[in-house]
Amino acid sequence: MSVGLKRTKSHHDYTMLGETLAQVQEHKYLGVTIAEDLTWNSNYRCTVSKANKIFGLLQRNIYQCSKETKAKAYKALVRPHLEYAAVVTDPYQSKYIQMLDRVQRRAARFVVGDFRRKSSVTKMIQELEWESLVERRKTARLCQFYFVHKGESPNTFTKLQQRDTNHSSRHFTADAYKVIETRTVRYQNSFLPRTIRDWNRLPLASTTQPTLEKFKASLSK
């Protein structure tokens, strides 16, 4: 697989133990589907497919259980698949956001036991006190960046520059980082550029929390 954004890619033959390796356009590694054009489209489809299969299993086996049991089953067995590696693969395009959200919306109907077409699924989710998947992914990205800020991440992130506190404005806290300049929408919405922008919008009361638990709790206030 040749990874890159160029329309015309150069392909080379690679051999292992005398066998020429087949050329592929995507490959699954550690549960994440990596595509040669660096998009996560195939990964989203695989994620939703796996989540739907498990959700179907729940529908067939625990449909007579209580609302609490069904909710716990969804959170324990289905939602983790929707959020696997979401720190990196968090979608920014509405069609993929909706693709993931549809699974949670179906789950809400199942848990509440209301399949009427005119019923509000949004209201069901609010009654269940489920946080939106969009917000959960954003929180996961910010929590991961919290480790970067605290110097508890790999050395890869040590080159990130914090803004000069002498030139801070009302739009940035003293813990703000220099925004990464990007040329493409895809890169702009990748983990670091996107999360740095979100981090810079946080109040100082959040970014200075001493522990991850307290930092995460401050995000929900």
C-alpha atoms as a PDB file:
ATOM      1  CA  MET A   1       0.000   0.000   0.000  1.00  0.00           C
ATOM      2  CA  SER A   2       1.373   3.395  -1.004  1.00  0.00           C
ATOM      3  CA  VAL A   3       0.152   6.084   1.383  1.00  0.00           C
ATOM      4  CA  GLY A   4      -0.182   9.675   0.202  1.00  0.00           C
ATOM      5  CA  LEU A   5      -2.436  12.414  -1.133  1.00  0.00           C
ATOM      6  CA  LYS A   6      -1.068  12.532  -4.664  1.00  0.00           C
ATOM      7  CA  ARG A   7      -3.480  11.527  -7.393  1.00  0.00           C
ATOM      8  CA  THR A   8      -0.790   9.532  -9.136  1.00  0.00           C
ATOM      9  CA  LYS A   9       1.169   7.386  -6.707  1.00  0.00           C
ATOM     10  CA  SER A  10       4.371   5.565  -7.406  1.00  0.00           C
ATOM     11  CA  HIS A  11       4.053   1.848  -6.743  1.00  0.00           C
ATOM     12  CA  HIS A  12       6.894  -0.459  -5.879  1.00  0.00           C
ATOM     13  CA  ASP A  13       6.969  -4.204  -5.526  1.00  0.00           C
ATOM     14  CA  TYR A  14       7.911  -5.498  -2.104  1.00  0.00           C
ATOM     15  CA  THR A  15       8.871  -9.079  -1.352  1.00  0.00           C
ATOM     16  CA  MET A  16       8.934 -11.118   1.828  1.00  0.00           C
ATOM     17  CA  LEU A  17      10.460 -14.600   1.987  1.00  0.00           C
ATOM     18  CA  GLY A  18      10.652 -14.624  -1.777  1.00  0.00           C
ATOM     19  CA  GLU A  19       6.952 -13.787  -2.246  1.00  0.00           C
ATOM     20  CA  THR A  20       5.798 -10.516  -3.826  1.00  0.00           C
ATOM     21  CA  LEU A  21       3.337  -8.737  -1.565  1.00  0.00           C
ATOM     22  CA  ALA A  22      -0.040  -7.860  -3.059  1.00  0.00           C
ATOM     23  CA  GLN A  23      -0.925  -4.188  -3.532  1.00  0.00           C
ATOM     24  CA  VAL A  24      -3.926  -3.090  -1.458  1.00  0.00           C
ATOM     25  CA  GLN A  25      -5.787   0.197  -1.087  1.00  0.00           C
ATOM     26  CA  GLU A  26      -6.514  -0.251   2.612  1.00  0.00           C
ATOM     27  CA  HIS A  27      -5.393  -2.416   5.494  1.00  0.00           C
ATOM     28  CA  LYS A  28      -6.668  -3.030   9.016  1.00  0.00           C
ATOM     29  CA  TYR A  29      -4.075  -2.575  11.747  1.00  0.00           C
ATOM     30  CA  LEU A  30      -4.871  -2.865  15.465  1.00  0.00           C
ATOM     31  CA  GLY A  31      -8.570  -2.649  14.671  1.00  0.00           C
ATOM     32  CA  VAL A  32      -8.300   0.526  12.586  1.00  0.00           C
ATOM     33  CA  THR A  33      -8.688   0.508   8.800  1.00  0.00           C
ATOM     34  CA  ILE A  34      -5.943   2.628   7.239  1.00  0.00           C
ATOM     35  CA  ALA A  35      -6.513   3.751   3.657  1.00  0.00           C
ATOM     36  CA  GLU A  36      -3.906   4.802   1.124  1.00  0.00           C
ATOM     37  CA  ASP A  37      -5.524   8.249   0.713  1.00  0.00           C
ATOM     38  CA  LEU A  38      -5.364   8.838   4.505  1.00  0.00           C
ATOM     39  CA  THR A  39      -9.147   9.076   4.900  1.00  0.00           C
ATOM     40  CA  TRP A  40     -11.141   7.218   7.536  1.00  0.00           C
ATOM     41  CA  ASN A  41     -14.169   6.506   5.332  1.00  0.00           C
ATOM     42  CA  SER A  42     -13.644   2.736   5.256  1.00  0.00           C
ATOM     43  CA  ASN A  43     -12.906   2.718   8.956  1.00  0.00           C
ATOM     44  CA  TYR A  44     -16.241   4.405   9.728  1.00  0.00           C
ATOM     45  CA  ARG A  45     -18.112   1.829   7.653  1.00  0.00           C
ATOM     46  CA  CYS A  46     -16.327  -1.045   9.395  1.00  0.00           C
ATOM     47  CA  THR A  47     -16.991   0.536  12.780  1.00  0.00           C
ATOM     48  CA  VAL A  48     -20.707   0.965  12.132  1.00  0.00           C
ATOM     49  CA  SER A  49     -20.993  -2.525  10.664  1.00  0.00           C
ATOM     50  CA  LYS A  50     -19.443  -4.125  13.755  1.00  0.00           C
ATOM     51  CA  ALA A  51     -21.531  -1.991  16.126  1.00  0.00           C
ATOM     52  CA  ASN A  52     -24.740  -2.869  14.260  1.00  0.00           C
ATOM     53  CA  LYS A  53     -23.973  -6.591  14.410  1.00  0.00           C
ATOM     54  CA  ILE A  54     -23.555  -6.470  18.172  1.00  0.00           C
ATOM     55  CA  PHE A  55     -26.598  -4.231  18.534  1.00  0.00           C
ATOM     56  CA  GLY A  56     -28.622  -6.750  16.522  1.00  0.00           C
ATOM     57  CA  LEU A  57     -27.494  -9.456  18.937  1.00  0.00           C
ATOM     58  CA  LEU A  58     -28.780  -7.379  21.846  1.00  0.00           C
ATOM     59  CA  GLN A  59     -32.100  -6.783  20.108  1.00  0.00           C
ATOM     60  CA  ARG A  60     -32.633 -10.517  19.661  1.00  0.00           C
ATOM     61  CA  ASN A  61     -31.630 -11.547  23.173  1.00  0.00           C
ATOM     62  CA  ILE A  62     -32.471  -8.872  25.739  1.00  0.00           C
ATOM     63  CA  TYR A  63     -35.511  -7.132  24.238  1.00  0.00           C
ATOM     64  CA  GLN A  64     -37.587  -8.174  27.271  1.00  0.00           C
ATOM     65  CA  CYS A  65     -35.099  -6.852  29.815  1.00  0.00           C
ATOM     66  CA  SER A  66     -35.473  -3.635  31.773  1.00  0.00           C
ATOM     67  CA  LYS A  67     -34.518  -0.226  30.432  1.00  0.00           C
ATOM     68  CA  GLU A  68     -31.541  -0.127  32.803  1.00  0.00           C
ATOM     69  CA  THR A  69     -30.213  -3.489  31.596  1.00  0.00           C
ATOM     70  CA  LYS A  70     -30.538  -2.563  27.935  1.00  0.00           C
ATOM     71  CA  ALA A  71     -28.834   0.784  28.526  1.00  0.00           C
ATOM     72  CA  LYS A  72     -25.922  -0.882  30.312  1.00  0.00           C
ATOM     73  CA  ALA A  73     -25.593  -3.445  27.513  1.00  0.00           C
ATOM     74  CA  TYR A  74     -25.440  -0.702  24.882  1.00  0.00           C
ATOM     75  CA  LYS A  75     -22.824   1.263  26.814  1.00  0.00           C
ATOM     76  CA  ALA A  76     -20.724  -1.815  27.505  1.00  0.00           C
ATOM     77  CA  LEU A  77     -20.946  -3.703  24.209  1.00  0.00           C
ATOM     78  CA  VAL A  78     -21.896  -1.305  21.397  1.00  0.00           C
ATOM     79  CA  ARG A  79     -20.719   2.214  22.192  1.00  0.00           C
ATOM     80  CA  PRO A  80     -17.055   1.224  22.772  1.00  0.00           C
ATOM     81  CA  HIS A  81     -16.897   0.113  19.126  1.00  0.00           C
ATOM     82  CA  LEU A  82     -18.269   3.468  17.964  1.00  0.00           C
ATOM     83  CA  GLU A  83     -15.570   5.224  19.989  1.00  0.00           C
ATOM     84  CA  TYR A  84     -12.616   2.949  19.312  1.00  0.00           C
ATOM     85  CA  ALA A  85      -9.590   5.066  18.311  1.00  0.00           C
ATOM     86  CA  ALA A  86     -11.928   8.087  18.116  1.00  0.00           C
ATOM     87  CA  VAL A  87      -9.154  10.376  19.353  1.00  0.00           C
ATOM     88  CA  VAL A  88      -7.544   9.955  15.936  1.00  0.00           C
ATOM     89  CA  THR A  89     -10.513   9.140  13.709  1.00  0.00           C
ATOM     90  CA  ASP A  90     -13.032  11.704  15.038  1.00  0.00           C
ATOM     91  CA  PRO A  91     -15.051  12.628  11.908  1.00  0.00           C
ATOM     92  CA  TYR A  92     -15.660  16.209  10.832  1.00  0.00           C
ATOM     93  CA  GLN A  93     -17.883  15.530   7.818  1.00  0.00           C
ATOM     94  CA  SER A  94     -21.589  15.501   8.638  1.00  0.00           C
ATOM     95  CA  LYS A  95     -22.336  12.304   6.695  1.00  0.00           C
ATOM     96  CA  TYR A  96     -19.948  10.276   8.835  1.00  0.00           C
ATOM     97  CA  ILE A  97     -21.029  11.990  12.059  1.00  0.00           C
ATOM     98  CA  GLN A  98     -24.617  11.033  11.220  1.00  0.00           C
ATOM     99  CA  MET A  99     -23.547   7.508  10.255  1.00  0.00           C
ATOM    100  CA  LEU A 100     -22.217   6.937  13.777  1.00  0.00           C
ATOM    101  CA  ASP A 101     -25.086   8.810  15.439  1.00  0.00           C
ATOM    102  CA  ARG A 102     -27.690   6.586  13.768  1.00  0.00           C
ATOM    103  CA  VAL A 103     -26.476   3.629  15.804  1.00  0.00           C
ATOM    104  CA  GLN A 104     -26.964   5.513  19.070  1.00  0.00           C
ATOM    105  CA  ARG A 105     -30.361   6.779  17.972  1.00  0.00           C
ATOM    106  CA  ARG A 106     -31.494   3.219  17.172  1.00  0.00           C
ATOM    107  CA  ALA A 107     -30.180   2.142  20.572  1.00  0.00           C
ATOM    108  CA  ALA A 108     -32.168   4.890  22.297  1.00  0.00           C
ATOM    109  CA  ARG A 109     -35.392   3.630  20.708  1.00  0.00           C
ATOM    110  CA  PHE A 110     -34.519   0.087  21.750  1.00  0.00           C
ATOM    111  CA  VAL A 111     -33.744   1.030  25.348  1.00  0.00           C
ATOM    112  CA  VAL A 112     -36.855   3.176  25.774  1.00  0.00           C
ATOM    113  CA  GLY A 113     -39.006   0.720  23.814  1.00  0.00           C
ATOM    114  CA  ASP A 114     -40.569   3.400  21.634  1.00  0.00           C
ATOM    115  CA  PHE A 115     -40.460   2.716  17.891  1.00  0.00           C
ATOM    116  CA  ARG A 116     -43.183   5.124  16.808  1.00  0.00           C
ATOM    117  CA  ARG A 117     -42.186   7.209  13.804  1.00  0.00           C
ATOM    118  CA  LYS A 118     -43.413  10.469  15.327  1.00  0.00           C
ATOM    119  CA  SER A 119     -41.541   9.995  18.612  1.00  0.00           C
ATOM    120  CA  SER A 120     -38.578  12.286  19.213  1.00  0.00           C
ATOM    121  CA  VAL A 121     -35.359  10.298  19.465  1.00  0.00           C
ATOM    122  CA  THR A 122     -33.510  13.424  20.591  1.00  0.00           C
ATOM    123  CA  LYS A 123     -35.872  13.659  23.567  1.00  0.00           C
ATOM    124  CA  MET A 124     -35.274   9.974  24.351  1.00  0.00           C
ATOM    125  CA  ILE A 125     -31.521  10.528  24.426  1.00  0.00           C
ATOM    126  CA  GLN A 126     -31.993  13.513  26.721  1.00  0.00           C
ATOM    127  CA  GLU A 127     -34.204  11.485  29.061  1.00  0.00           C
ATOM    128  CA  LEU A 128     -31.592   8.722  29.137  1.00  0.00           C
ATOM    129  CA  GLU A 129     -28.983  11.409  29.921  1.00  0.00           C
ATOM    130  CA  TRP A 130     -26.715  10.151  27.173  1.00  0.00           C
ATOM    131  CA  GLU A 131     -24.055  12.579  26.053  1.00  0.00           C
ATOM    132  CA  SER A 132     -23.828  12.990  22.293  1.00  0.00           C
ATOM    133  CA  LEU A 133     -21.132  10.982  20.544  1.00  0.00           C
ATOM    134  CA  VAL A 134     -19.739  14.227  19.127  1.00  0.00           C
ATOM    135  CA  GLU A 135     -19.187  15.636  22.613  1.00  0.00           C
ATOM    136  CA  ARG A 136     -17.771  12.364  23.907  1.00  0.00           C
ATOM    137  CA  ARG A 137     -15.218  12.267  21.083  1.00  0.00           C
ATOM    138  CA  LYS A 138     -14.272  15.880  21.721  1.00  0.00           C
ATOM    139  CA  THR A 139     -13.803  15.130  25.423  1.00  0.00           C
ATOM    140  CA  ALA A 140     -11.640  12.115  24.550  1.00  0.00           C
ATOM    141  CA  ARG A 141      -9.420  14.277  22.319  1.00  0.00           C
ATOM    142  CA  LEU A 142      -9.056  16.952  24.984  1.00  0.00           C
ATOM    143  CA  CYS A 143      -8.235  14.354  27.646  1.00  0.00           C
ATOM    144  CA  GLN A 144      -5.525  12.944  25.398  1.00  0.00           C
ATOM    145  CA  PHE A 145      -4.139  16.447  24.855  1.00  0.00           C
ATOM    146  CA  TYR A 146      -4.187  16.961  28.627  1.00  0.00           C
ATOM    147  CA  PHE A 147      -1.439  14.299  28.814  1.00  0.00           C
ATOM    148  CA  VAL A 148       0.482  16.211  26.130  1.00  0.00           C
ATOM    149  CA  HIS A 149       0.137  19.417  28.153  1.00  0.00           C
ATOM    150  CA  LYS A 150       1.357  17.675  31.297  1.00  0.00           C
ATOM    151  CA  GLY A 151       4.360  16.195  29.494  1.00  0.00           C
ATOM    152  CA  GLU A 152       3.087  12.652  29.966  1.00  0.00           C
ATOM    153  CA  SER A 153       2.933  11.775  26.270  1.00  0.00           C
ATOM    154  CA  PRO A 154       5.567  10.448  23.824  1.00  0.00           C
ATOM    155  CA  ASN A 155       8.432  12.753  22.868  1.00  0.00           C
ATOM    156  CA  THR A 156       6.759  13.257  19.480  1.00  0.00           C
ATOM    157  CA  PHE A 157       4.766  16.134  20.982  1.00  0.00           C
ATOM    158  CA  THR A 158       7.606  17.974  22.701  1.00  0.00           C
ATOM    159  CA  LYS A 159       7.988  20.369  19.746  1.00  0.00           C
ATOM    160  CA  LEU A 160       4.553  21.899  20.282  1.00  0.00           C
ATOM    161  CA  GLN A 161       4.926  25.562  21.146  1.00  0.00           C
ATOM    162  CA  GLN A 162       2.867  27.413  23.720  1.00  0.00           C
ATOM    163  CA  ARG A 163       1.813  30.969  22.961  1.00  0.00           C
ATOM    164  CA  ASP A 164       3.726  33.854  24.460  1.00  0.00           C
ATOM    165  CA  THR A 165       1.773  34.691  27.626  1.00  0.00           C
ATOM    166  CA  ASN A 166       2.862  38.333  27.277  1.00  0.00           C
ATOM    167  CA  HIS A 167       0.774  38.569  24.130  1.00  0.00           C
ATOM    168  CA  SER A 168      -2.273  36.595  25.255  1.00  0.00           C
ATOM    169  CA  SER A 169      -5.698  37.941  24.471  1.00  0.00           C
ATOM    170  CA  ARG A 170      -9.216  37.319  25.697  1.00  0.00           C
ATOM    171  CA  HIS A 171      -9.490  34.539  23.097  1.00  0.00           C
ATOM    172  CA  PHE A 172      -6.613  32.486  24.540  1.00  0.00           C
ATOM    173  CA  THR A 173      -5.627  31.374  28.020  1.00  0.00           C
ATOM    174  CA  ALA A 174      -2.105  31.392  29.419  1.00  0.00           C
ATOM    175  CA  ASP A 175      -1.948  27.661  28.665  1.00  0.00           C
ATOM    176  CA  ALA A 176      -2.794  28.138  24.977  1.00  0.00           C
ATOM    177  CA  TYR A 177      -0.696  26.571  22.229  1.00  0.00           C
ATOM    178  CA  LYS A 178       0.391  27.965  18.906  1.00  0.00           C
ATOM    179  CA  VAL A 179      -2.166  27.021  16.271  1.00  0.00           C
ATOM    180  CA  ILE A 180      -0.785  24.684  13.608  1.00  0.00           C
ATOM    181  CA  GLU A 181      -1.086  26.144  10.112  1.00  0.00           C
ATOM    182  CA  THR A 182      -2.695  23.792   7.606  1.00  0.00           C
ATOM    183  CA  ARG A 183      -3.248  23.770   3.860  1.00  0.00           C
ATOM    184  CA  THR A 184      -5.969  21.121   3.598  1.00  0.00           C
ATOM    185  CA  VAL A 185      -9.287  20.604   5.351  1.00  0.00           C
ATOM    186  CA  ARG A 186      -8.270  17.028   6.102  1.00  0.00           C
ATOM    187  CA  TYR A 187      -5.162  18.085   7.998  1.00  0.00           C
ATOM    188  CA  GLN A 188      -6.991  20.969   9.647  1.00  0.00           C
ATOM    189  CA  ASN A 189      -9.406  18.460  11.207  1.00  0.00           C
ATOM    190  CA  SER A 190      -6.801  15.912  12.228  1.00  0.00           C
ATOM    191  CA  PHE A 191      -6.032  15.343  15.905  1.00  0.00           C
ATOM    192  CA  LEU A 192      -3.408  17.983  16.713  1.00  0.00           C
ATOM    193  CA  PRO A 193      -4.588  21.050  14.731  1.00  0.00           C
ATOM    194  CA  ARG A 194      -8.216  20.458  15.687  1.00  0.00           C
ATOM    195  CA  THR A 195      -7.609  19.668  19.353  1.00  0.00           C
ATOM    196  CA  ILE A 196      -5.235  22.582  19.857  1.00  0.00           C
ATOM    197  CA  ARG A 197      -7.998  24.922  18.685  1.00  0.00           C
ATOM    198  CA  ASP A 198     -10.440  23.289  21.110  1.00  0.00           C
ATOM    199  CA  TRP A 199      -7.874  23.398  23.929  1.00  0.00           C
ATOM    200  CA  ASN A 200      -7.203  27.101  23.388  1.00  0.00           C
ATOM    201  CA  ARG A 201     -10.901  27.838  23.908  1.00  0.00           C
ATOM    202  CA  LEU A 202     -10.937  26.224  27.356  1.00  0.00           C
ATOM    203  CA  PRO A 203     -10.935  28.445  30.443  1.00  0.00           C
ATOM    204  CA  LEU A 204      -7.842  28.492  32.622  1.00  0.00           C
ATOM    205  CA  ALA A 205      -9.861  26.800  35.368  1.00  0.00           C
ATOM    206  CA  SER A 206      -9.960  23.675  33.185  1.00  0.00           C
ATOM    207  CA  THR A 207      -6.438  23.587  31.750  1.00  0.00           C
ATOM    208  CA  THR A 208      -4.847  23.969  35.185  1.00  0.00           C
ATOM    209  CA  GLN A 209      -6.660  21.051  36.825  1.00  0.00           C
ATOM    210  CA  PRO A 210      -4.146  18.805  38.664  1.00  0.00           C
ATOM    211  CA  THR A 211      -5.587  15.429  37.613  1.00  0.00           C
ATOM    212  CA  LEU A 212      -7.247  13.960  34.551  1.00  0.00           C
ATOM    213  CA  GLU A 213     -10.394  13.136  36.529  1.00  0.00           C
ATOM    214  CA  LYS A 214     -10.799  16.746  37.653  1.00  0.00           C
ATOM    215  CA  PHE A 215      -9.975  18.035  34.181  1.00  0.00           C
ATOM    216  CA  LYS A 216     -12.627  15.798  32.618  1.00  0.00           C
ATOM    217  CA  ALA A 217     -15.157  16.828  35.251  1.00  0.00           C
ATOM    218  CA  SER A 218     -14.478  20.514  34.514  1.00  0.00           C
ATOM    219  CA  LEU A 219     -15.392  19.998  30.856  1.00  0.00           C
ATOM    220  CA  SER A 220     -18.937  19.013  31.716  1.00  0.00           C
ATOM    221  CA  LYS A 221     -19.618  22.144  33.767  1.00  0.00           C
END
